Protein backbone atom coordinates (compact mmCIF):
# COMPACT_ATOMS: atom_id res chain seq x y z
CA MET A 1 0.14 0.20 -0.14
CA PHE A 2 1.12 3.15 -0.81
CA THR A 3 1.70 6.07 1.64
CA ARG A 4 0.94 9.80 0.73
CA ARG A 5 4.81 10.22 1.29
CA GLN A 6 5.44 7.72 -1.20
CA ALA A 7 2.96 8.80 -3.63
CA ILE A 8 4.04 12.34 -3.90
CA GLY A 9 7.64 10.93 -3.98
CA THR A 10 6.54 9.03 -6.79
CA ILE A 11 4.69 11.94 -8.78
CA GLY A 12 7.81 14.72 -7.86
CA SER A 13 10.14 12.05 -9.63
CA ALA A 14 8.18 11.64 -12.93
CA ALA A 15 7.74 15.12 -13.45
CA VAL A 16 11.68 15.67 -12.71
CA SER A 17 11.91 12.71 -15.68
CA PHE A 18 9.81 14.36 -18.05
CA ALA A 19 11.22 17.62 -17.34
CA ALA A 20 14.70 16.65 -17.34
CA PRO A 21 14.88 16.33 -21.67
CA ALA A 22 13.74 19.70 -21.71
CA ALA A 23 16.27 21.14 -19.33
CA PHE A 24 18.98 19.36 -21.83
CA ALA A 25 17.98 20.03 -25.16
CA HIS A 26 20.07 21.84 -27.32
CA THR A 27 19.25 25.37 -27.99
CA TYR A 28 20.01 26.90 -31.26
CA PRO A 29 20.73 30.66 -32.02
CA THR A 30 18.06 32.83 -33.70
CA VAL A 31 18.59 33.05 -37.54
CA THR A 32 17.62 36.29 -39.25
CA LEU A 33 16.48 35.92 -42.45
CA HIS A 34 16.20 38.81 -45.16
CA LYS A 35 13.80 38.26 -47.85
CA ASP A 36 11.93 39.98 -50.30
CA PRO A 37 8.34 40.36 -48.97
CA SER A 38 6.49 38.08 -51.74
CA CYS A 39 9.01 35.02 -51.83
CA GLY A 40 7.04 32.22 -50.80
CA CYS A 41 10.73 29.92 -51.08
CA CYS A 42 12.21 31.85 -48.54
CA THR A 43 9.76 31.67 -46.22
CA ASP A 44 9.35 27.98 -46.83
CA TRP A 45 13.24 27.97 -46.16
CA GLY A 46 12.35 29.32 -42.87
CA LYS A 47 10.07 27.02 -42.03
CA HIS A 48 12.78 24.43 -42.80
CA ILE A 49 15.55 26.13 -40.52
CA GLU A 50 12.42 26.60 -37.86
CA ALA A 51 11.36 22.81 -37.84
CA ALA A 52 15.28 21.71 -36.97
CA GLY A 53 14.72 24.14 -33.57
CA PHE A 54 16.28 27.44 -34.74
CA PRO A 55 14.31 30.83 -33.96
CA VAL A 56 13.55 32.41 -36.97
CA THR A 57 13.56 36.25 -37.40
CA VAL A 58 11.98 37.14 -40.47
CA ILE A 59 12.88 40.85 -42.10
CA ASN A 60 11.18 41.60 -45.27
CA SER A 61 13.42 43.83 -47.36
CA PRO A 62 12.93 45.23 -51.01
CA ASN A 63 16.33 45.27 -51.46
CA VAL A 64 18.09 42.17 -50.07
CA LYS A 65 20.78 42.86 -52.75
CA ALA A 66 22.13 45.81 -51.21
CA LEU A 67 22.53 43.82 -47.63
CA LYS A 68 24.45 41.16 -50.03
CA ARG A 69 26.84 43.46 -50.83
CA GLN A 70 27.29 45.05 -47.16
CA VAL A 71 27.83 41.50 -46.12
CA GLY A 72 30.22 39.93 -48.60
CA VAL A 73 28.31 37.44 -50.60
CA PRO A 74 30.26 37.18 -53.48
CA GLN A 75 27.72 38.10 -57.04
CA ASP A 76 27.91 34.64 -58.20
CA LEU A 77 27.23 32.85 -55.12
CA ALA A 78 24.36 35.03 -54.38
CA GLY A 79 20.92 33.08 -53.61
CA CYS A 80 17.38 34.97 -53.36
CA HIS A 81 17.64 35.09 -49.21
CA THR A 82 20.35 36.41 -47.37
CA ALA A 83 20.05 35.05 -43.20
CA GLU A 84 22.41 36.02 -40.28
CA VAL A 85 23.49 33.64 -37.29
CA SER A 86 25.79 33.53 -34.77
CA GLY A 87 28.22 35.97 -36.87
CA TYR A 88 27.77 33.91 -40.13
CA ILE A 89 25.56 34.95 -43.03
CA LEU A 90 23.81 32.06 -45.01
CA GLU A 91 23.23 33.05 -48.46
CA GLY A 92 19.98 31.11 -50.02
CA HIS A 93 18.86 27.68 -49.59
CA VAL A 94 21.05 26.12 -47.14
CA PRO A 95 20.15 22.62 -45.42
CA VAL A 96 19.81 22.51 -41.85
CA ALA A 97 22.69 19.75 -41.80
CA ALA A 98 25.15 22.19 -43.52
CA LEU A 99 23.67 24.83 -40.87
CA GLN A 100 24.07 22.87 -37.70
CA ARG A 101 27.43 21.61 -38.56
CA LEU A 102 28.70 25.35 -39.38
CA ILE A 103 27.16 26.19 -35.77
CA ASP A 104 29.28 23.02 -34.37
CA GLU A 105 32.88 23.36 -35.84
CA ARG A 106 32.96 27.23 -36.18
CA PRO A 107 34.99 27.89 -39.18
CA ASP A 108 36.96 31.01 -39.94
CA ALA A 109 34.54 32.20 -42.72
CA ILE A 110 32.30 34.45 -43.80
CA GLY A 111 29.27 31.80 -44.05
CA LEU A 112 27.63 29.42 -46.45
CA ALA A 113 25.68 29.76 -50.03
CA VAL A 114 23.51 27.72 -51.87
CA ALA A 115 23.97 29.29 -55.32
CA GLY A 116 20.74 30.45 -57.12
CA MET A 117 17.91 28.37 -56.35
CA PRO A 118 18.54 24.44 -56.92
CA ALA A 119 15.22 22.47 -57.32
CA GLY A 120 14.54 20.44 -54.31
CA SER A 121 16.81 22.42 -52.05
CA PRO A 122 14.77 23.14 -48.56
CA GLY A 123 12.21 25.74 -49.53
CA MET A 124 12.19 24.97 -53.09
CA GLY A 125 9.56 22.55 -54.80
CA GLY A 126 10.59 20.32 -57.67
CA LYS A 127 12.25 16.56 -58.22
CA PRO A 128 15.52 17.34 -55.99
CA GLU A 129 18.77 18.12 -57.93
CA ALA A 130 22.19 17.81 -56.41
CA TYR A 131 24.00 21.06 -55.33
CA ASP A 132 27.12 22.33 -53.51
CA VAL A 133 27.00 24.30 -50.39
CA VAL A 134 30.05 26.59 -50.20
CA LEU A 135 32.18 27.74 -47.30
CA PHE A 136 33.06 31.15 -48.21
CA THR A 137 35.18 33.90 -47.04
CA PRO A 138 36.81 37.15 -48.44
CA THR A 139 39.45 35.30 -50.69
CA SER A 140 38.32 32.06 -50.87
CA ARG A 141 35.75 29.33 -51.10
CA SER A 142 35.56 25.32 -50.73
CA VAL A 143 32.59 23.07 -50.83
CA TYR A 144 31.36 22.38 -47.48
CA GLY A 145 29.09 19.44 -48.42
CA ARG A 146 27.10 18.17 -51.76
CA PHE A 147 23.39 17.67 -50.70
CA LYS A 148 20.29 16.40 -52.67
CA GLY A 149 16.99 18.11 -51.28
CA ALA A 150 18.36 18.27 -47.48
CA GLU A 151 20.59 15.33 -47.74
CA ARG A 152 23.93 15.02 -47.31
CA ILE A 153 25.27 13.10 -50.46
CA GLY A 154 29.05 14.08 -49.90
């Protein structure tokens, strides 16, 4: 037979057990997404990032091109939106797996870019095609990962 004290102890232990995962959950930094107000694929990319646990703040701006120049995005790597997170720039439809790796590794770079708008990349519709995520600095660039859709393939 349960005493009142045992019942209260059991309920308290259960509450701690359920609360513990939330206390140890990974907290991601906020991603600030600069996009054209009428762009739906940019909104969908933000939802992709948010679904992985990143808080997203959207700034609708009719002149995202000026921001790209200001933060150092090379013209040939430009995508349709620009985001900022933890001192890095994310240009275009960067998949969340590449963003998580960037946050974990903290390379010396301006950020990551997915040039253009590859079909099937996060936020884009269509049959997924392979594309590169590029790590870029003021003077160099390298392939940070090859993806098809949101999945890394190389």
